[in-house]
Amino acid sequence: MRKILLIIISSLLIILVVLGLIFTILFKSTVNAKNGSLEPTLIKIEENQNLKSLAEQLKAQNLIKDERIFYWHGKSNIKKIKPGYYEIAAGSSINDIVGLLAQGKIKLVKVTIPEGWRVEQIGQRLDELKIVKYEDFVASAKPYEGSLFPNTHYFNPVMSAKEIINIMLEDYQGKISASNLEVSKEDLVIASIVEREAAGDFDRSIIAGIYKNRLKIGMRLESDPTVRYGKDENAIVNLDVTEIKNYKFWAPVKTSDLKSVISNFNTYLTDGLPPTPICNPGIKSIEATVHPEASDYLFFFHKDGQIYPSKTGEEHKAKTLKILGY
């Protein structure tokens, strides 16, 4: 009886060892088994995708050899699959892949949004990086022009346009709070103009003060970037999505544009501020607008990165003639 029991135990141990070897081989099945590629593979996991369909997807992409082994191993170790993009390194085993998914280590895409970009430019960049469609982003983001803080962001490519917008809005609020600023709607519009006008940090507060001085006396702002914004607005109305995604914004304005561009944004033709900000300004332009330099200046122009402010129209004309030659 004891001999039979020993035989049974020995047989079971042998079976367990064999099964262990089989499972070890399967768990260590590597990616790109057929072509031997050393490049990582990017996979996309959709919202609410189940483990079974994921196993089939991995098998179809030649990332695992047996979807059944992956499924059962994943079922025991993955509590919830986080949607997003995952980068599967070459040579990854089933165990490696399950561990990556269990930890939810999604691959985030780095997106740098410069100061002074308008919503459509941000939409172009996000579409180019395949994070969100241009038209989806612009439709949701347009009401927030001015508050989409320019910064380097890391986005999950399966985020919705609204999720991305919320991240940028939260970033804006965080920067404003950290700087102890109280920013009015008027300030944000002026800051957006300052962002497009300034040659550097040194002249932002001077320009902001000049525009606020003009508003106080009912003088038109006559800002070239507002003309460009209006001209671009008029142009993209007649373009399809593909054309808009390739459109170049902020081309220099011509002298003839100042009076010919019919738009509520053209401050050469309309009194007061434009209806909305014309871009998304950085914190320096916002700070300069909230705390502008006190002066009696009403005019300015730039030459070789230097600002030339003036208090009167006559002084302004004399300086432009002397420095610019006209």
Protein backbone atom coordinates (compact mmCIF):
# COMPACT_ATOMS: atom_id res chain seq x y z
CA MET A 1 0.00 0.00 0.00
CA ARG A 2 2.82 2.33 0.93
CA LYS A 3 4.61 1.46 -2.31
CA ILE A 4 1.51 2.33 -4.36
CA LEU A 5 1.14 5.62 -2.47
CA LEU A 6 4.77 6.49 -3.20
CA ILE A 7 4.27 5.74 -6.87
CA ILE A 8 1.17 7.95 -6.97
CA ILE A 9 2.96 10.81 -5.20
CA SER A 10 6.00 10.47 -7.48
CA SER A 11 3.74 10.49 -10.54
CA LEU A 12 1.95 13.61 -9.33
CA LEU A 13 5.26 15.36 -8.69
CA ILE A 14 6.44 14.48 -12.17
CA ILE A 15 3.17 15.79 -13.64
CA LEU A 16 3.49 19.01 -11.62
CA VAL A 17 7.08 19.50 -12.76
CA VAL A 18 6.10 18.93 -16.40
CA LEU A 19 3.14 21.31 -16.08
CA GLY A 20 5.41 23.84 -14.41
CA LEU A 21 7.86 23.63 -17.27
CA ILE A 22 5.07 24.00 -19.80
CA PHE A 23 3.62 27.02 -18.02
CA THR A 24 7.06 28.56 -17.60
CA ILE A 25 7.71 28.22 -21.32
CA LEU A 26 4.35 29.70 -22.15
CA PHE A 27 4.70 32.57 -19.66
CA LYS A 28 8.07 33.35 -21.16
CA SER A 29 6.76 33.35 -24.72
CA THR A 30 8.26 36.45 -26.26
CA VAL A 31 6.86 39.15 -28.52
CA ASN A 32 7.48 39.20 -32.25
CA ALA A 33 8.21 35.47 -32.18
CA LYS A 34 7.91 35.17 -35.94
CA ASN A 35 9.99 38.09 -37.13
CA GLY A 36 12.44 38.51 -34.25
CA SER A 37 11.96 42.29 -34.16
CA LEU A 38 13.65 44.20 -31.36
CA GLU A 39 11.27 47.14 -31.65
CA PRO A 40 8.59 47.64 -28.96
CA THR A 41 4.97 47.16 -29.99
CA LEU A 42 2.30 49.70 -29.15
CA ILE A 43 -1.14 48.30 -28.33
CA LYS A 44 -4.34 50.20 -27.72
CA ILE A 45 -6.82 49.00 -25.09
CA GLU A 46 -10.27 50.47 -25.46
CA GLU A 47 -12.59 51.53 -22.66
CA ASN A 48 -14.35 48.49 -21.14
CA GLN A 49 -12.40 46.02 -23.31
CA ASN A 50 -12.56 42.57 -21.75
CA LEU A 51 -9.70 40.16 -21.12
CA LYS A 52 -10.87 37.65 -23.72
CA SER A 53 -10.84 40.15 -26.59
CA LEU A 54 -7.51 41.50 -25.36
CA ALA A 55 -6.03 37.98 -25.39
CA GLU A 56 -7.22 37.56 -28.98
CA GLN A 57 -5.77 40.94 -29.90
CA LEU A 58 -2.37 40.07 -28.43
CA LYS A 59 -2.36 36.72 -30.23
CA ALA A 60 -3.29 38.39 -33.51
CA GLN A 61 -0.42 40.85 -33.08
CA ASN A 62 1.96 37.94 -32.40
CA LEU A 63 2.65 39.17 -28.87
CA ILE A 64 1.70 35.91 -27.18
CA LYS A 65 1.66 32.28 -28.35
CA ASP A 66 -1.40 31.05 -26.45
CA GLU A 67 -4.32 33.35 -25.62
CA ARG A 68 -5.80 30.79 -23.23
CA ILE A 69 -2.75 30.85 -20.98
CA PHE A 70 -2.71 34.64 -21.09
CA TYR A 71 -6.42 34.78 -20.29
CA TRP A 72 -6.19 32.58 -17.19
CA HIS A 73 -3.02 34.23 -15.95
CA GLY A 74 -4.53 37.65 -16.53
CA LYS A 75 -7.78 36.69 -14.85
CA SER A 76 -5.86 35.83 -11.68
CA ASN A 77 -3.69 38.96 -11.65
CA ILE A 78 -5.48 41.86 -13.38
CA LYS A 79 -8.23 43.46 -11.31
CA LYS A 80 -9.24 46.03 -13.92
CA ILE A 81 -7.83 46.84 -17.33
CA LYS A 82 -7.00 50.54 -17.61
CA PRO A 83 -7.71 51.82 -21.12
CA GLY A 84 -4.93 53.50 -23.04
CA TYR A 85 -1.80 52.76 -25.02
CA TYR A 86 0.73 50.27 -23.70
CA GLU A 87 4.23 49.75 -25.02
CA ILE A 88 5.17 46.06 -25.06
CA ALA A 89 8.94 45.66 -25.09
CA ALA A 90 10.53 43.13 -27.40
CA GLY A 91 11.14 39.88 -25.58
CA SER A 92 8.29 40.40 -23.10
CA SER A 93 6.83 37.25 -21.63
CA ILE A 94 3.16 36.66 -20.84
CA ASN A 95 4.08 37.33 -17.24
CA ASP A 96 5.69 40.66 -18.24
CA ILE A 97 2.65 41.72 -20.23
CA VAL A 98 0.22 40.75 -17.49
CA GLY A 99 2.36 42.67 -14.98
CA LEU A 100 2.37 45.76 -17.21
CA LEU A 101 -1.43 45.66 -17.58
CA ALA A 102 -1.99 44.92 -13.90
CA GLN A 103 -0.03 48.03 -12.97
CA GLY A 104 -1.87 50.12 -15.57
CA LYS A 105 1.40 51.48 -16.96
CA ILE A 106 -0.06 53.28 -19.94
CA LYS A 107 2.21 55.09 -22.37
CA LEU A 108 1.61 58.83 -22.19
CA VAL A 109 2.32 61.07 -25.15
CA LYS A 110 4.32 64.23 -24.50
CA VAL A 111 2.65 67.31 -25.98
CA THR A 112 4.20 70.77 -25.79
CA ILE A 113 1.80 73.67 -26.37
CA PRO A 114 3.65 76.99 -26.87
CA GLU A 115 2.41 80.28 -25.48
CA GLY A 116 0.28 82.20 -27.94
CA TRP A 117 -1.31 79.30 -29.77
CA ARG A 118 -4.99 79.49 -30.54
CA VAL A 119 -7.39 76.58 -30.05
CA GLU A 120 -7.15 75.47 -33.68
CA GLN A 121 -3.36 75.15 -33.47
CA ILE A 122 -3.66 72.99 -30.37
CA GLY A 123 -6.22 70.90 -32.23
CA GLN A 124 -3.79 70.51 -35.14
CA ARG A 125 -1.04 69.26 -32.81
CA LEU A 126 -3.30 66.81 -30.94
CA ASP A 127 -4.64 65.43 -34.22
CA GLU A 128 -1.14 65.11 -35.65
CA LEU A 129 -0.09 63.04 -32.61
CA LYS A 130 -3.27 60.93 -32.97
CA ILE A 131 -4.46 61.80 -29.48
CA VAL A 132 -7.82 63.26 -30.43
CA LYS A 133 -9.46 64.34 -33.66
CA TYR A 134 -9.05 67.99 -34.62
CA GLU A 135 -12.77 68.62 -35.03
CA ASP A 136 -13.66 66.97 -31.71
CA PHE A 137 -11.14 69.05 -29.78
CA VAL A 138 -11.96 72.40 -31.41
CA ALA A 139 -15.71 71.94 -31.00
CA SER A 140 -15.30 71.41 -27.26
CA ALA A 141 -12.37 73.78 -26.63
CA LYS A 142 -13.40 76.92 -28.52
CA PRO A 143 -15.39 78.41 -25.58
CA TYR A 144 -12.25 78.14 -23.43
CA GLU A 145 -9.91 80.11 -25.69
CA GLY A 146 -7.47 81.90 -23.40
CA SER A 147 -7.71 79.44 -20.50
CA LEU A 148 -6.06 76.40 -22.10
CA PHE A 149 -2.76 76.81 -20.36
CA PRO A 150 0.28 76.47 -22.66
CA ASN A 151 2.63 73.94 -21.15
CA THR A 152 4.15 70.51 -21.65
CA HIS A 153 1.43 67.97 -20.98
CA TYR A 154 1.39 64.16 -20.97
CA PHE A 155 -1.80 62.75 -22.44
CA ASN A 156 -3.16 59.24 -22.73
CA PRO A 157 -4.09 58.81 -26.41
CA VAL A 158 -7.50 57.35 -25.53
CA MET A 159 -8.53 60.47 -23.60
CA SER A 160 -11.56 62.35 -24.84
CA ALA A 161 -11.36 65.98 -25.93
CA LYS A 162 -13.16 67.05 -22.76
CA GLU A 163 -10.71 65.16 -20.55
CA ILE A 164 -7.78 66.89 -22.24
CA ILE A 165 -9.47 70.27 -21.94
CA ASN A 166 -10.11 69.70 -18.24
CA ILE A 167 -6.42 68.95 -17.67
CA MET A 168 -5.43 72.21 -19.39
CA LEU A 169 -8.06 74.21 -17.52
CA GLU A 170 -6.94 72.76 -14.20
CA ASP A 171 -3.36 73.64 -15.10
CA TYR A 172 -4.47 77.21 -15.81
CA GLN A 173 -6.31 77.50 -12.50
CA GLY A 174 -3.33 76.03 -10.66
CA LYS A 175 -0.90 78.54 -12.18
CA ILE A 176 -3.23 81.47 -11.48
CA SER A 177 -3.73 80.39 -7.87
CA ALA A 178 -0.01 79.78 -7.34
CA SER A 179 0.69 83.31 -8.59
CA ASN A 180 -2.07 84.81 -6.39
CA LEU A 181 -3.68 86.48 -9.39
CA GLU A 182 -7.24 87.66 -9.82
CA VAL A 183 -7.80 87.57 -13.55
CA SER A 184 -10.89 89.21 -15.03
CA LYS A 185 -12.33 88.37 -18.44
CA GLU A 186 -10.97 91.68 -19.69
CA ASP A 187 -7.52 90.86 -18.35
CA LEU A 188 -7.47 87.52 -20.12
CA VAL A 189 -8.37 89.11 -23.47
CA ILE A 190 -5.67 91.77 -23.05
CA ALA A 191 -3.15 89.14 -21.94
CA SER A 192 -3.82 87.18 -25.12
CA ILE A 193 -3.05 90.27 -27.20
CA VAL A 194 0.07 91.01 -25.14
CA GLU A 195 1.24 87.44 -25.75
CA ARG A 196 1.12 87.94 -29.51
CA GLU A 197 2.57 91.48 -29.39
CA ALA A 198 5.45 91.18 -26.92
CA ALA A 199 9.04 90.72 -28.04
CA GLY A 200 9.98 89.25 -24.65
CA ASP A 201 9.29 89.39 -20.94
CA PHE A 202 10.81 92.87 -20.69
CA ASP A 203 8.00 94.62 -22.58
CA ARG A 204 4.87 92.68 -21.59
CA SER A 205 3.86 95.00 -18.73
CA ILE A 206 4.56 98.10 -20.87
CA ILE A 207 2.28 96.84 -23.65
CA ALA A 208 -0.42 95.78 -21.20
CA GLY A 209 -0.32 99.26 -19.64
CA ILE A 210 -0.61 100.90 -23.07
CA TYR A 211 -3.71 98.89 -23.99
CA LYS A 212 -5.32 99.59 -20.64
CA ASN A 213 -4.57 103.31 -21.10
CA ARG A 214 -6.26 103.21 -24.50
CA LEU A 215 -9.34 101.51 -23.09
CA LYS A 216 -9.64 104.13 -20.33
CA ILE A 217 -9.90 106.98 -22.82
CA GLY A 218 -12.04 105.10 -25.35
CA MET A 219 -9.25 104.82 -27.89
CA ARG A 220 -9.22 101.85 -30.24
CA LEU A 221 -6.59 99.22 -29.47
CA GLU A 222 -5.45 98.94 -33.09
CA SER A 223 -3.57 95.70 -32.47
CA ASP A 224 -2.20 93.82 -35.49
CA PRO A 225 -2.62 90.33 -33.95
CA THR A 226 -6.36 90.94 -33.58
CA VAL A 227 -6.52 91.61 -37.31
CA ARG A 228 -4.63 88.39 -38.02
CA TYR A 229 -6.94 86.44 -35.73
CA GLY A 230 -9.99 87.85 -37.51
CA LYS A 231 -8.49 87.18 -40.93
CA ASP A 232 -7.77 83.57 -39.99
CA GLU A 233 -11.28 83.17 -38.59
CA ASN A 234 -12.74 84.36 -41.88
CA ALA A 235 -10.44 82.08 -43.89
CA ILE A 236 -11.05 78.79 -42.08
CA VAL A 237 -14.84 79.13 -42.29
CA ASN A 238 -14.63 78.09 -45.93
CA LEU A 239 -12.15 75.23 -45.46
CA ASP A 240 -12.85 71.56 -44.83
CA VAL A 241 -11.28 69.73 -41.89
CA THR A 242 -8.34 68.40 -43.92
CA GLU A 243 -7.52 71.88 -45.20
CA ILE A 244 -7.81 73.44 -41.73
CA LYS A 245 -5.45 70.85 -40.27
CA ASN A 246 -2.79 72.09 -42.71
CA TYR A 247 -3.62 75.78 -42.40
CA LYS A 248 -0.82 78.11 -41.23
CA PHE A 249 -2.02 80.59 -38.63
CA TRP A 250 -0.57 84.00 -37.70
CA ALA A 251 0.94 85.02 -41.03
CA PRO A 252 2.07 88.69 -40.90
CA VAL A 253 -0.68 91.20 -41.65
CA LYS A 254 -0.49 93.59 -44.58
CA THR A 255 -1.20 97.28 -44.21
CA SER A 256 -4.27 96.80 -46.40
CA ASP A 257 -5.60 94.17 -43.94
CA LEU A 258 -5.94 96.69 -41.14
CA LYS A 259 -9.04 98.25 -42.67
CA SER A 260 -10.21 95.52 -45.04
CA VAL A 261 -10.56 92.56 -42.66
CA ILE A 262 -14.19 92.69 -41.58
CA SER A 263 -14.33 91.02 -38.20
CA ASN A 264 -15.42 91.76 -34.63
CA PHE A 265 -11.84 90.91 -33.70
CA ASN A 266 -10.30 93.64 -35.85
CA THR A 267 -9.55 96.34 -33.28
CA TYR A 268 -8.71 98.81 -36.04
CA LEU A 269 -12.42 98.80 -36.96
CA THR A 270 -14.14 98.04 -33.65
CA ASP A 271 -14.12 99.79 -30.30
CA GLY A 272 -13.08 98.10 -27.08
CA LEU A 273 -11.85 94.55 -26.71
CA PRO A 274 -12.29 91.62 -29.07
CA PRO A 275 -15.19 89.30 -28.15
CA THR A 276 -12.83 86.62 -26.75
CA PRO A 277 -9.12 86.07 -26.19
CA ILE A 278 -7.23 85.60 -29.45
CA CYS A 279 -4.87 82.94 -28.12
CA ASN A 280 -3.85 81.13 -24.94
CA PRO A 281 -1.32 83.32 -23.11
CA GLY A 282 1.41 82.18 -20.76
CA ILE A 283 1.63 83.19 -17.12
CA LYS A 284 4.09 86.05 -17.84
CA SER A 285 1.61 87.84 -20.10
CA ILE A 286 -1.20 87.29 -17.58
CA GLU A 287 0.91 88.63 -14.72
CA ALA A 288 1.93 91.65 -16.81
CA THR A 289 -1.70 92.40 -17.61
CA VAL A 290 -2.92 92.09 -14.04
CA HIS A 291 0.03 94.25 -12.88
CA PRO A 292 0.76 96.53 -15.86
CA GLU A 293 3.46 99.18 -15.86
CA ALA A 294 1.98 102.56 -14.97
CA SER A 295 2.74 105.13 -17.67
CA ASP A 296 1.22 107.77 -19.94
CA TYR A 297 2.14 105.82 -23.06
CA LEU A 298 -0.51 105.27 -25.74
CA PHE A 299 1.61 104.07 -28.67
CA PHE A 300 4.45 101.64 -29.32
CA PHE A 301 6.31 99.73 -32.00
CA HIS A 302 9.21 97.27 -32.13
CA LYS A 303 12.50 97.32 -33.97
CA ASP A 304 15.11 94.57 -33.64
CA GLY A 305 13.50 93.24 -30.47
CA GLN A 306 13.37 96.62 -28.76
CA ILE A 307 10.17 98.48 -27.86
CA TYR A 308 9.67 102.19 -28.57
CA PRO A 309 6.71 103.60 -26.61
CA SER A 310 5.30 107.09 -27.06
CA LYS A 311 2.83 109.31 -25.21
CA THR A 312 1.38 111.15 -28.21
CA GLY A 313 0.62 110.48 -31.85
CA GLU A 314 3.11 113.12 -32.92
CA GLU A 315 5.88 111.55 -30.84
CA HIS A 316 5.00 108.13 -32.25
CA LYS A 317 5.15 109.38 -35.85
CA ALA A 318 8.48 111.10 -35.24
CA LYS A 319 10.00 107.92 -33.79
CA THR A 320 8.72 105.69 -36.58
CA LEU A 321 10.12 108.09 -39.18
CA LYS A 322 13.49 108.25 -37.44
CA ILE A 323 13.85 104.56 -36.56
CA LEU A 324 11.75 102.78 -39.18
CA GLY A 325 12.15 105.30 -41.96
CA TYR A 326 8.44 105.91 -42.61
